[in-house]
Amino acid sequence: MLIIDGHTLIPKVPELSLNDIDDEEKLVALLQEYARFKRKQVVVFFDGAPPGQAGERSYGIVQAVFVPAGRTADDAIQQYLGALGK
């Protein structure tokens, strides 16, 4: 399983930009291709979700977690890892 901070990864992918209105959807699409090819589950966290948009969404083998404003993706990832245990 891969756990990713989406807003940290987006600027590192040449065809993506944090300035794009659909940057998160584009990253999820790329991660879906990767997950199918590598046969790995992917969980990607995006912080700064506007009110009413926070929560989890499933995109097949890719799970996206939209973290509400006021929390960071790093905090959410730490909480997620804690819930997984060992």
Protein backbone atom coordinates (compact mmCIF):
# COMPACT_ATOMS: atom_id res chain seq x y z
CA MET A 1 0.00 0.00 0.00
CA LEU A 2 1.17 3.51 -0.81
CA ILE A 3 0.18 6.47 1.33
CA ILE A 4 0.68 9.84 -0.35
CA ASP A 5 0.36 13.51 0.54
CA GLY A 6 -1.22 14.67 -2.70
CA HIS A 7 -0.40 18.35 -2.46
CA THR A 8 3.26 17.50 -1.85
CA LEU A 9 3.36 15.21 -4.89
CA ILE A 10 1.50 17.43 -7.39
CA PRO A 11 4.33 19.99 -7.88
CA LYS A 12 6.77 17.15 -8.51
CA VAL A 13 4.76 15.74 -11.45
CA PRO A 14 5.68 17.66 -14.62
CA GLU A 15 2.18 17.76 -16.14
CA LEU A 16 0.48 18.87 -12.91
CA SER A 17 0.31 22.18 -11.09
CA LEU A 18 -1.26 23.25 -7.81
CA ASN A 19 -2.68 26.19 -9.80
CA ASP A 20 -4.87 23.85 -11.89
CA ILE A 21 -8.49 23.82 -10.75
CA ASP A 22 -8.62 20.04 -11.22
CA ASP A 23 -5.12 19.17 -9.96
CA GLU A 24 -6.42 16.65 -7.43
CA GLU A 25 -8.55 14.80 -10.00
CA LYS A 26 -5.61 14.69 -12.43
CA LEU A 27 -3.37 13.21 -9.74
CA VAL A 28 -6.00 10.62 -8.80
CA ALA A 29 -6.24 9.59 -12.48
CA LEU A 30 -2.45 9.14 -12.66
CA LEU A 31 -2.47 7.18 -9.40
CA GLN A 32 -5.24 4.91 -10.74
CA GLU A 33 -3.04 3.99 -13.71
CA TYR A 34 -0.06 3.41 -11.42
CA ALA A 35 -2.09 1.32 -8.97
CA ARG A 36 -3.46 -0.89 -11.75
CA PHE A 37 -0.01 -1.37 -13.27
CA LYS A 38 1.73 -2.09 -9.96
CA ARG A 39 -1.29 -3.83 -8.40
CA LYS A 40 -1.00 -1.71 -5.28
CA GLN A 41 -3.60 0.01 -3.18
CA VAL A 42 -3.08 3.77 -2.95
CA VAL A 43 -4.41 6.17 -0.33
CA VAL A 44 -3.87 9.84 -1.17
CA PHE A 45 -4.52 12.69 1.26
CA PHE A 46 -5.38 16.24 0.18
CA ASP A 47 -5.54 18.96 2.82
CA GLY A 48 -7.49 22.19 2.66
CA ALA A 49 -10.87 20.76 1.64
CA PRO A 50 -13.52 23.48 1.59
CA PRO A 51 -16.54 23.18 3.91
CA GLY A 52 -18.79 20.36 2.82
CA GLN A 53 -16.12 18.75 0.65
CA ALA A 54 -14.10 16.91 3.32
CA GLY A 55 -14.26 13.14 3.54
CA GLU A 56 -13.21 9.97 1.80
CA ARG A 57 -13.90 9.04 -1.79
CA SER A 58 -13.16 5.78 -3.51
CA TYR A 59 -11.78 5.74 -7.04
CA GLY A 60 -11.44 2.00 -7.50
CA ILE A 61 -8.11 0.92 -6.05
CA VAL A 62 -7.31 4.55 -5.13
CA GLN A 63 -8.81 5.99 -1.96
CA ALA A 64 -8.74 9.79 -1.69
CA VAL A 65 -9.08 11.51 1.68
CA PHE A 66 -9.99 15.20 1.57
CA VAL A 67 -8.86 16.67 4.88
CA PRO A 68 -10.90 19.61 6.18
CA ALA A 69 -9.35 23.06 6.39
CA GLY A 70 -7.59 23.56 9.71
CA ARG A 71 -5.93 20.12 9.61
CA THR A 72 -2.96 19.06 7.53
CA ALA A 73 -2.58 16.01 5.37
CA ASP A 74 0.41 15.09 7.54
CA ASP A 75 -1.80 15.03 10.64
CA ALA A 76 -4.39 12.92 8.84
CA ILE A 77 -1.73 10.51 7.59
CA GLN A 78 -0.34 10.08 11.11
CA GLN A 79 -3.84 9.38 12.42
CA TYR A 80 -4.45 6.90 9.58
CA LEU A 81 -1.19 5.08 10.28
CA GLY A 82 -2.02 4.97 13.99
CA ALA A 83 -5.38 3.37 13.19
CA LEU A 84 -3.63 0.75 11.02
CA GLY A 85 -1.41 -0.28 13.94
CA LYS A 86 1.55 -2.42 13.03
